[in-house]
Structure formats: C-alpha cells, structure tokens
Amino acid sequence: MAKLTITEAARVAGVARSTLHRAINAGRISIDPEGHLDTAELLRAGNTLHVATQQVDATPLHDAPPRNSSAQHPPFALGREALQAALSQSCI
C-alpha cells in the first residue's frame, strides 16, 4: 500500500490530523520510522479512504479571445454531431 504523511493521510481519510495523532499515541495506528502511515493502517483502524478531489472553477472565460482558429472549432465537433445523430436514431 501507499505511504503517506500524516497530513496526506488525514486528507485521504477525511479526518483531522489531531485524530490521527491520538490514534497513533493510543497504538491504534502505527507509523514507520520516517513518520509515514501506510494506507493499510488507516483501513485496519476503520477509516474510509476518499479520493482527493480538486475544486475547479468551472466558469468559462468570456473575455479572452481564442488563441487560434482551432479553438473556435473543436477537433471533435463533427464526431459529436455524428454521435448525437446516431444516438437519436437508435432511441426511436
């Protein structure tokens, strides 16, 4: 399994670092000599691992002009239209 710092492990487990420190001090979770936690230790202690997600600003930029003409016409625009046509015909 993967080795994580306490900060990374807290983020992945969705708990506070202080919670992990208390579990380490109580002996419920063990760490290696470098101070890293194995993800297996988190699972063994009953934590659920979560996928880290980045918050992305989904608002498009309307002020910026396209850099080149290919930005005005996505390369797969015809493929999407053909796919949509095929899907609409198959749903009839």
PDB file of N, CA and C in Angstrom:
ATOM      1  N   MET A   1       0.833  -1.180   0.000  1.00  0.00           N
ATOM      2  CA  MET A   1       0.000   0.000   0.000  1.00  0.00           C
ATOM      3  C   MET A   1       0.881   1.248   0.000  1.00  0.00           C
ATOM      4  N   ALA A   2       0.260   2.391  -0.153  1.00  0.00           N
ATOM      5  CA  ALA A   2       0.984   3.654  -0.269  1.00  0.00           C
ATOM      6  C   ALA A   2       1.356   4.198   1.106  1.00  0.00           C
ATOM      7  N   LYS A   3       2.502   4.838   1.150  1.00  0.00           N
ATOM      8  CA  LYS A   3       2.957   5.509   2.363  1.00  0.00           C
ATOM      9  C   LYS A   3       2.582   6.983   2.268  1.00  0.00           C
ATOM     10  N   LEU A   4       1.975   7.506   3.326  1.00  0.00           N
ATOM     11  CA  LEU A   4       1.505   8.881   3.337  1.00  0.00           C
ATOM     12  C   LEU A   4       2.024   9.608   4.561  1.00  0.00           C
ATOM     13  N   THR A   5       2.195  10.914   4.432  1.00  0.00           N
ATOM     14  CA  THR A   5       2.478  11.715   5.616  1.00  0.00           C
ATOM     15  C   THR A   5       1.196  11.807   6.430  1.00  0.00           C
ATOM     16  N   ILE A   6       1.308  12.283   7.649  1.00  0.00           N
ATOM     17  CA  ILE A   6       0.117  12.401   8.494  1.00  0.00           C
ATOM     18  C   ILE A   6      -0.875  13.379   7.884  1.00  0.00           C
ATOM     19  N   THR A   7      -0.386  14.459   7.310  1.00  0.00           N
ATOM     20  CA  THR A   7      -1.267  15.437   6.669  1.00  0.00           C
ATOM     21  C   THR A   7      -1.995  14.814   5.485  1.00  0.00           C
ATOM     22  N   GLU A   8      -1.263  14.089   4.635  1.00  0.00           N
ATOM     23  CA  GLU A   8      -1.881  13.431   3.481  1.00  0.00           C
ATOM     24  C   GLU A   8      -2.873  12.363   3.936  1.00  0.00           C
ATOM     25  N   ALA A   9      -2.502  11.604   4.956  1.00  0.00           N
ATOM     26  CA  ALA A   9      -3.383  10.553   5.460  1.00  0.00           C
ATOM     27  C   ALA A   9      -4.670  11.146   6.025  1.00  0.00           C
ATOM     28  N   ALA A  10      -4.555  12.271   6.726  1.00  0.00           N
ATOM     29  CA  ALA A  10      -5.746  12.922   7.266  1.00  0.00           C
ATOM     30  C   ALA A  10      -6.657  13.384   6.143  1.00  0.00           C
ATOM     31  N   ARG A  11      -6.069  13.918   5.086  1.00  0.00           N
ATOM     32  CA  ARG A  11      -6.853  14.390   3.941  1.00  0.00           C
ATOM     33  C   ARG A  11      -7.559  13.218   3.254  1.00  0.00           C
ATOM     34  N   VAL A  12      -6.834  12.116   3.055  1.00  0.00           N
ATOM     35  CA  VAL A  12      -7.401  10.954   2.361  1.00  0.00           C
ATOM     36  C   VAL A  12      -8.472  10.281   3.215  1.00  0.00           C
ATOM     37  N   ALA A  13      -8.249  10.230   4.533  1.00  0.00           N
ATOM     38  CA  ALA A  13      -9.201   9.576   5.429  1.00  0.00           C
ATOM     39  C   ALA A  13     -10.373  10.486   5.787  1.00  0.00           C
ATOM     40  N   GLY A  14     -10.230  11.776   5.514  1.00  0.00           N
ATOM     41  CA  GLY A  14     -11.316  12.711   5.823  1.00  0.00           C
ATOM     42  C   GLY A  14     -11.437  12.987   7.311  1.00  0.00           C
ATOM     43  N   VAL A  15     -10.318  12.957   8.031  1.00  0.00           N
ATOM     44  CA  VAL A  15     -10.310  13.241   9.472  1.00  0.00           C
ATOM     45  C   VAL A  15      -9.275  14.325   9.747  1.00  0.00           C
ATOM     46  N   ALA A  16      -9.305  14.846  10.958  1.00  0.00           N
ATOM     47  CA  ALA A  16      -8.332  15.852  11.351  1.00  0.00           C
ATOM     48  C   ALA A  16      -7.000  15.193  11.679  1.00  0.00           C
ATOM     49  N   ARG A  17      -5.927  15.946  11.537  1.00  0.00           N
ATOM     50  CA  ARG A  17      -4.604  15.417  11.885  1.00  0.00           C
ATOM     51  C   ARG A  17      -4.541  15.029  13.351  1.00  0.00           C
ATOM     52  N   SER A  18      -5.215  15.820  14.195  1.00  0.00           N
ATOM     53  CA  SER A  18      -5.209  15.519  15.630  1.00  0.00           C
ATOM     54  C   SER A  18      -5.852  14.162  15.909  1.00  0.00           C
ATOM     55  N   THR A  19      -6.837  13.776  15.116  1.00  0.00           N
ATOM     56  CA  THR A  19      -7.458  12.466  15.268  1.00  0.00           C
ATOM     57  C   THR A  19      -6.445  11.371  14.981  1.00  0.00           C
ATOM     58  N   LEU A  20      -5.654  11.545  13.934  1.00  0.00           N
ATOM     59  CA  LEU A  20      -4.625  10.556  13.617  1.00  0.00           C
ATOM     60  C   LEU A  20      -3.542  10.524  14.687  1.00  0.00           C
ATOM     61  N   HIS A  21      -3.148  11.685  15.192  1.00  0.00           N
ATOM     62  CA  HIS A  21      -2.142  11.728  16.247  1.00  0.00           C
ATOM     63  C   HIS A  21      -2.635  10.997  17.503  1.00  0.00           C
ATOM     64  N   ARG A  22      -3.907  11.180  17.851  1.00  0.00           N
ATOM     65  CA  ARG A  22      -4.463  10.468  19.010  1.00  0.00           C
ATOM     66  C   ARG A  22      -4.462   8.971  18.776  1.00  0.00           C
ATOM     67  N   ALA A  23      -4.817   8.542  17.550  1.00  0.00           N
ATOM     68  CA  ALA A  23      -4.822   7.107  17.229  1.00  0.00           C
ATOM     69  C   ALA A  23      -3.409   6.533  17.269  1.00  0.00           C
ATOM     70  N   ILE A  24      -2.416   7.301  16.827  1.00  0.00           N
ATOM     71  CA  ILE A  24      -1.019   6.857  16.862  1.00  0.00           C
ATOM     72  C   ILE A  24      -0.556   6.734  18.311  1.00  0.00           C
ATOM     73  N   ASN A  25      -0.852   7.743  19.131  1.00  0.00           N
ATOM     74  CA  ASN A  25      -0.444   7.727  20.537  1.00  0.00           C
ATOM     75  C   ASN A  25      -1.121   6.605  21.309  1.00  0.00           C
ATOM     76  N   ALA A  26      -2.363   6.256  20.921  1.00  0.00           N
ATOM     77  CA  ALA A  26      -3.088   5.185  21.601  1.00  0.00           C
ATOM     78  C   ALA A  26      -2.689   3.800  21.075  1.00  0.00           C
ATOM     79  N   GLY A  27      -1.917   3.764  19.991  1.00  0.00           N
ATOM     80  CA  GLY A  27      -1.471   2.487  19.440  1.00  0.00           C
ATOM     81  C   GLY A  27      -2.439   1.858  18.455  1.00  0.00           C
ATOM     82  N   ARG A  28      -3.490   2.583  18.066  1.00  0.00           N
ATOM     83  CA  ARG A  28      -4.448   2.038  17.100  1.00  0.00           C
ATOM     84  C   ARG A  28      -3.908   2.087  15.679  1.00  0.00           C
ATOM     85  N   ILE A  29      -2.986   3.015  15.414  1.00  0.00           N
ATOM     86  CA  ILE A  29      -2.343   3.149  14.104  1.00  0.00           C
ATOM     87  C   ILE A  29      -0.844   3.215  14.350  1.00  0.00           C
ATOM     88  N   SER A  30      -0.084   2.494  13.551  1.00  0.00           N
ATOM     89  CA  SER A  30       1.378   2.553  13.691  1.00  0.00           C
ATOM     90  C   SER A  30       1.972   3.304  12.507  1.00  0.00           C
ATOM     91  N   ILE A  31       3.113   3.923  12.751  1.00  0.00           N
ATOM     92  CA  ILE A  31       3.822   4.658  11.718  1.00  0.00           C
ATOM     93  C   ILE A  31       5.213   4.069  11.561  1.00  0.00           C
ATOM     94  N   ASP A  32       5.832   4.303  10.405  1.00  0.00           N
ATOM     95  CA  ASP A  32       7.195   3.809  10.177  1.00  0.00           C
ATOM     96  C   ASP A  32       8.195   4.790  10.806  1.00  0.00           C
ATOM     97  N   PRO A  33       9.467   4.443  10.846  1.00  0.00           N
ATOM     98  CA  PRO A  33      10.462   5.319  11.483  1.00  0.00           C
ATOM     99  C   PRO A  33      10.539   6.727  10.889  1.00  0.00           C
ATOM    100  N   GLU A  34      10.158   6.888   9.613  1.00  0.00           N
ATOM    101  CA  GLU A  34      10.170   8.218   8.992  1.00  0.00           C
ATOM    102  C   GLU A  34       8.918   9.024   9.322  1.00  0.00           C
ATOM    103  N   GLY A  35       7.973   8.419  10.030  1.00  0.00           N
ATOM    104  CA  GLY A  35       6.742   9.114  10.393  1.00  0.00           C
ATOM    105  C   GLY A  35       5.641   9.009   9.364  1.00  0.00           C
ATOM    106  N   HIS A  36       5.747   8.052   8.444  1.00  0.00           N
ATOM    107  CA  HIS A  36       4.730   7.870   7.412  1.00  0.00           C
ATOM    108  C   HIS A  36       3.747   6.783   7.816  1.00  0.00           C
ATOM    109  N   LEU A  37       2.522   6.938   7.369  1.00  0.00           N
ATOM    110  CA  LEU A  37       1.465   5.958   7.606  1.00  0.00           C
ATOM    111  C   LEU A  37       1.242   5.154   6.341  1.00  0.00           C
ATOM    112  N   ASP A  38       0.991   3.892   6.503  1.00  0.00           N
ATOM    113  CA  ASP A  38       0.610   3.053   5.374  1.00  0.00           C
ATOM    114  C   ASP A  38      -0.910   3.125   5.249  1.00  0.00           C
ATOM    115  N   THR A  39      -1.422   3.166   4.034  1.00  0.00           N
ATOM    116  CA  THR A  39      -2.871   3.226   3.858  1.00  0.00           C
ATOM    117  C   THR A  39      -3.550   2.000   4.447  1.00  0.00           C
ATOM    118  N   ALA A  40      -2.845   0.884   4.511  1.00  0.00           N
ATOM    119  CA  ALA A  40      -3.410  -0.316   5.124  1.00  0.00           C
ATOM    120  C   ALA A  40      -3.682  -0.080   6.607  1.00  0.00           C
ATOM    121  N   GLU A  41      -2.843   0.725   7.264  1.00  0.00           N
ATOM    122  CA  GLU A  41      -3.053   1.052   8.679  1.00  0.00           C
ATOM    123  C   GLU A  41      -4.334   1.854   8.856  1.00  0.00           C
ATOM    124  N   LEU A  42      -4.590   2.769   7.937  1.00  0.00           N
ATOM    125  CA  LEU A  42      -5.824   3.552   8.015  1.00  0.00           C
ATOM    126  C   LEU A  42      -7.048   2.651   7.876  1.00  0.00           C
ATOM    127  N   LEU A  43      -6.976   1.729   6.928  1.00  0.00           N
ATOM    128  CA  LEU A  43      -8.094   0.805   6.726  1.00  0.00           C
ATOM    129  C   LEU A  43      -8.267  -0.121   7.926  1.00  0.00           C
ATOM    130  N   ARG A  44      -7.155  -0.602   8.476  1.00  0.00           N
ATOM    131  CA  ARG A  44      -7.207  -1.506   9.633  1.00  0.00           C
ATOM    132  C   ARG A  44      -7.832  -0.809  10.841  1.00  0.00           C
ATOM    133  N   ALA A  45      -7.588   0.490  10.962  1.00  0.00           N
ATOM    134  CA  ALA A  45      -8.131   1.253  12.086  1.00  0.00           C
ATOM    135  C   ALA A  45      -9.594   1.641  11.868  1.00  0.00           C
ATOM    136  N   GLY A  46     -10.151   1.299  10.713  1.00  0.00           N
ATOM    137  CA  GLY A  46     -11.570   1.551  10.460  1.00  0.00           C
ATOM    138  C   GLY A  46     -11.863   2.828   9.705  1.00  0.00           C
ATOM    139  N   ASN A  47     -10.840   3.455   9.162  1.00  0.00           N
ATOM    140  CA  ASN A  47     -11.068   4.661   8.372  1.00  0.00           C
ATOM    141  C   ASN A  47     -11.446   4.297   6.944  1.00  0.00           C
ATOM    142  N   THR A  48     -12.186   5.162   6.322  1.00  0.00           N
ATOM    143  CA  THR A  48     -12.545   5.009   4.918  1.00  0.00           C
ATOM    144  C   THR A  48     -11.672   5.949   4.106  1.00  0.00           C
ATOM    145  N   LEU A  49     -11.097   5.453   3.023  1.00  0.00           N
ATOM    146  CA  LEU A  49     -10.252   6.280   2.178  1.00  0.00           C
ATOM    147  C   LEU A  49     -11.106   6.968   1.132  1.00  0.00           C
ATOM    148  N   HIS A  50     -10.841   8.239   0.934  1.00  0.00           N
ATOM    149  CA  HIS A  50     -11.582   9.043  -0.043  1.00  0.00           C
ATOM    150  C   HIS A  50     -10.626   9.500  -1.128  1.00  0.00           C
ATOM    151  N   VAL A  51     -11.137   9.589  -2.331  1.00  0.00           N
ATOM    152  CA  VAL A  51     -10.338  10.106  -3.436  1.00  0.00           C
ATOM    153  C   VAL A  51     -10.241  11.606  -3.276  1.00  0.00           C
ATOM    154  N   ALA A  52      -9.030  12.105  -3.353  1.00  0.00           N
ATOM    155  CA  ALA A  52      -8.836  13.548  -3.252  1.00  0.00           C
ATOM    156  C   ALA A  52      -9.367  14.206  -4.508  1.00  0.00           C
ATOM    157  N   THR A  53     -10.195  15.214  -4.330  1.00  0.00           N
ATOM    158  CA  THR A  53     -10.742  15.937  -5.474  1.00  0.00           C
ATOM    159  C   THR A  53     -10.279  17.374  -5.409  1.00  0.00           C
ATOM    160  N   GLN A  54      -9.991  17.909  -6.555  1.00  0.00           N
ATOM    161  CA  GLN A  54      -9.618  19.307  -6.632  1.00  0.00           C
ATOM    162  C   GLN A  54     -10.841  20.103  -7.033  1.00  0.00           C
ATOM    163  N   GLN A  55     -10.999  21.229  -6.394  1.00  0.00           N
ATOM    164  CA  GLN A  55     -12.089  22.105  -6.769  1.00  0.00           C
ATOM    165  C   GLN A  55     -11.646  22.937  -7.951  1.00  0.00           C
ATOM    166  N   VAL A  56     -12.375  22.793  -9.037  1.00  0.00           N
ATOM    167  CA  VAL A  56     -12.032  23.506 -10.260  1.00  0.00           C
ATOM    168  C   VAL A  56     -13.091  24.554 -10.509  1.00  0.00           C
ATOM    169  N   ASP A  57     -12.643  25.742 -10.825  1.00  0.00           N
ATOM    170  CA  ASP A  57     -13.573  26.811 -11.156  1.00  0.00           C
ATOM    171  C   ASP A  57     -14.115  26.535 -12.550  1.00  0.00           C
ATOM    172  N   ALA A  58     -15.395  26.222 -12.643  1.00  0.00           N
ATOM    173  CA  ALA A  58     -15.986  25.813 -13.907  1.00  0.00           C
ATOM    174  C   ALA A  58     -16.517  26.986 -14.723  1.00  0.00           C
ATOM    175  N   THR A  59     -16.319  28.196 -14.254  1.00  0.00           N
ATOM    176  CA  THR A  59     -16.831  29.331 -15.010  1.00  0.00           C
ATOM    177  C   THR A  59     -15.924  29.595 -16.209  1.00  0.00           C
ATOM    178  N   PRO A  60     -16.487  29.649 -17.394  1.00  0.00           N
ATOM    179  CA  PRO A  60     -15.661  29.879 -18.584  1.00  0.00           C
ATOM    180  C   PRO A  60     -15.200  31.333 -18.655  1.00  0.00           C
ATOM    181  N   LEU A  61     -14.099  31.536 -19.329  1.00  0.00           N
ATOM    182  CA  LEU A  61     -13.588  32.879 -19.543  1.00  0.00           C
ATOM    183  C   LEU A  61     -14.198  33.430 -20.824  1.00  0.00           C
ATOM    184  N   HIS A  62     -15.008  34.452 -20.697  1.00  0.00           N
ATOM    185  CA  HIS A  62     -15.675  35.025 -21.858  1.00  0.00           C
ATOM    186  C   HIS A  62     -14.908  36.210 -22.432  1.00  0.00           C
ATOM    187  N   ASP A  63     -14.015  36.783 -21.648  1.00  0.00           N
ATOM    188  CA  ASP A  63     -13.315  37.977 -22.089  1.00  0.00           C
ATOM    189  C   ASP A  63     -12.150  37.670 -23.019  1.00  0.00           C
ATOM    190  N   ALA A  64     -11.565  36.505 -22.882  1.00  0.00           N
ATOM    191  CA  ALA A  64     -10.357  36.191 -23.644  1.00  0.00           C
ATOM    192  C   ALA A  64     -10.712  35.721 -25.048  1.00  0.00           C
ATOM    193  N   PRO A  65     -10.068  36.288 -26.063  1.00  0.00           N
ATOM    194  CA  PRO A  65     -10.310  35.811 -27.429  1.00  0.00           C
ATOM    195  C   PRO A  65      -9.611  34.470 -27.636  1.00  0.00           C
ATOM    196  N   PRO A  66     -10.097  33.647 -28.561  1.00  0.00           N
ATOM    197  CA  PRO A  66      -9.423  32.370 -28.814  1.00  0.00           C
ATOM    198  C   PRO A  66      -8.018  32.599 -29.344  1.00  0.00           C
ATOM    199  N   ARG A  67      -7.118  31.681 -29.014  1.00  0.00           N
ATOM    200  CA  ARG A  67      -5.726  31.821 -29.419  1.00  0.00           C
ATOM    201  C   ARG A  67      -5.514  31.539 -30.902  1.00  0.00           C
ATOM    202  N   ASN A  68      -6.304  30.618 -31.452  1.00  0.00           N
ATOM    203  CA  ASN A  68      -6.179  30.305 -32.872  1.00  0.00           C
ATOM    204  C   ASN A  68      -7.529  29.846 -33.394  1.00  0.00           C
ATOM    205  N   SER A  69      -7.607  29.596 -34.669  1.00  0.00           N
ATOM    206  CA  SER A  69      -8.887  29.240 -35.258  1.00  0.00           C
ATOM    207  C   SER A  69      -9.372  27.868 -34.813  1.00  0.00           C
ATOM    208  N   SER A  70      -8.467  26.958 -34.424  1.00  0.00           N
ATOM    209  CA  SER A  70      -8.907  25.634 -33.986  1.00  0.00           C
ATOM    210  C   SER A  70      -9.647  25.707 -32.654  1.00  0.00           C
ATOM    211  N   ALA A  71      -9.428  26.785 -31.887  1.00  0.00           N
ATOM    212  CA  ALA A  71     -10.148  26.946 -30.626  1.00  0.00           C
ATOM    213  C   ALA A  71     -11.618  27.263 -30.888  1.00  0.00           C
ATOM    214  N   GLN A  72     -11.908  27.867 -32.050  1.00  0.00           N
ATOM    215  CA  GLN A  72     -13.292  28.183 -32.378  1.00  0.00           C
ATOM    216  C   GLN A  72     -14.048  26.942 -32.827  1.00  0.00           C
ATOM    217  N   HIS A  73     -13.344  25.975 -33.370  1.00  0.00           N
ATOM    218  CA  HIS A  73     -13.969  24.750 -33.852  1.00  0.00           C
ATOM    219  C   HIS A  73     -13.244  23.564 -33.216  1.00  0.00           C
ATOM    220  N   PRO A  74     -13.820  22.982 -32.171  1.00  0.00           N
ATOM    221  CA  PRO A  74     -13.149  21.854 -31.527  1.00  0.00           C
ATOM    222  C   PRO A  74     -12.897  20.728 -32.524  1.00  0.00           C
ATOM    223  N   PRO A  75     -11.808  19.995 -32.387  1.00  0.00           N
ATOM    224  CA  PRO A  75     -11.462  18.970 -33.372  1.00  0.00           C
ATOM    225  C   PRO A  75     -12.474  17.834 -33.445  1.00  0.00           C
ATOM    226  N   PHE A  76     -13.260  17.616 -32.400  1.00  0.00           N
ATOM    227  CA  PHE A  76     -14.204  16.510 -32.410  1.00  0.00           C
ATOM    228  C   PHE A  76     -15.643  16.972 -32.576  1.00  0.00           C
ATOM    229  N   ALA A  77     -15.839  18.175 -33.070  1.00  0.00           N
ATOM    230  CA  ALA A  77     -17.189  18.704 -33.219  1.00  0.00           C
ATOM    231  C   ALA A  77     -18.015  17.837 -34.176  1.00  0.00           C
ATOM    232  N   LEU A  78     -17.434  17.436 -35.306  1.00  0.00           N
ATOM    233  CA  LEU A  78     -18.173  16.592 -36.243  1.00  0.00           C
ATOM    234  C   LEU A  78     -18.440  15.229 -35.646  1.00  0.00           C
ATOM    235  N   GLY A  79     -17.516  14.710 -34.868  1.00  0.00           N
ATOM    236  CA  GLY A  79     -17.709  13.419 -34.219  1.00  0.00           C
ATOM    237  C   GLY A  79     -18.838  13.465 -33.215  1.00  0.00           C
ATOM    238  N   ARG A  80     -18.950  14.549 -32.481  1.00  0.00           N
ATOM    239  CA  ARG A  80     -20.038  14.685 -31.511  1.00  0.00           C
ATOM    240  C   ARG A  80     -21.382  14.758 -32.217  1.00  0.00           C
ATOM    241  N   GLU A  81     -21.442  15.514 -33.324  1.00  0.00           N
ATOM    242  CA  GLU A  81     -22.699  15.630 -34.062  1.00  0.00           C
ATOM    243  C   GLU A  81     -23.118  14.278 -34.613  1.00  0.00           C
ATOM    244  N   ALA A  82     -22.163  13.534 -35.135  1.00  0.00           N
ATOM    245  CA  ALA A  82     -22.481  12.211 -35.671  1.00  0.00           C
ATOM    246  C   ALA A  82     -22.930  11.277 -34.561  1.00  0.00           C
ATOM    247  N   LEU A  83     -22.294  11.362 -33.415  1.00  0.00           N
ATOM    248  CA  LEU A  83     -22.678  10.532 -32.270  1.00  0.00           C
ATOM    249  C   LEU A  83     -24.076  10.876 -31.797  1.00  0.00           C
ATOM    250  N   GLN A  84     -24.381  12.165 -31.706  1.00  0.00           N
ATOM    251  CA  GLN A  84     -25.714  12.580 -31.285  1.00  0.00           C
ATOM    252  C   GLN A  84     -26.774  12.108 -32.282  1.00  0.00           C
ATOM    253  N   ALA A  85     -26.470  12.183 -33.570  1.00  0.00           N
ATOM    254  CA  ALA A  85     -27.417  11.725 -34.588  1.00  0.00           C
ATOM    255  C   ALA A  85     -27.642  10.219 -34.474  1.00  0.00           C
ATOM    256  N   ALA A  86     -26.574   9.469 -34.255  1.00  0.00           N
ATOM    257  CA  ALA A  86     -26.679   8.025 -34.124  1.00  0.00           C
ATOM    258  C   ALA A  86     -27.475   7.657 -32.877  1.00  0.00           C
ATOM    259  N   LEU A  87     -27.243   8.371 -31.780  1.00  0.00           N
ATOM    260  CA  LEU A  87     -27.985   8.090 -30.553  1.00  0.00           C
ATOM    261  C   LEU A  87     -29.451   8.432 -30.697  1.00  0.00           C
ATOM    262  N   SER A  88     -29.770   9.529 -31.389  1.00  0.00           N
ATOM    263  CA  SER A  88     -31.173   9.899 -31.548  1.00  0.00           C
ATOM    264  C   SER A  88     -31.905   8.910 -32.445  1.00  0.00           C
ATOM    265  N   GLN A  89     -31.199   8.344 -33.414  1.00  0.00           N
ATOM    266  CA  GLN A  89     -31.831   7.349 -34.295  1.00  0.00           C
ATOM    267  C   GLN A  89     -32.022   6.011 -33.576  1.00  0.00           C
ATOM    268  N   SER A  90     -31.086   5.652 -32.710  1.00  0.00           N
ATOM    269  CA  SER A  90     -31.198   4.358 -32.035  1.00  0.00           C
ATOM    270  C   SER A  90     -32.217   4.372 -30.929  1.00  0.00           C
ATOM    271  N   CYS A  91     -32.610   5.531 -30.443  1.00  0.00           N
ATOM    272  CA  CYS A  91     -33.583   5.623 -29.353  1.00  0.00           C
ATOM    273  C   CYS A  91     -35.015   5.646 -29.878  1.00  0.00           C
ATOM    274  N   ILE A  92     -35.203   5.627 -31.178  1.00  0.00           N
ATOM    275  CA  ILE A  92     -36.542   5.717 -31.768  1.00  0.00           C
ATOM    276  C   ILE A  92     -37.250   4.395 -31.639  1.00  0.00           C
TER     277      ILE A  92
END
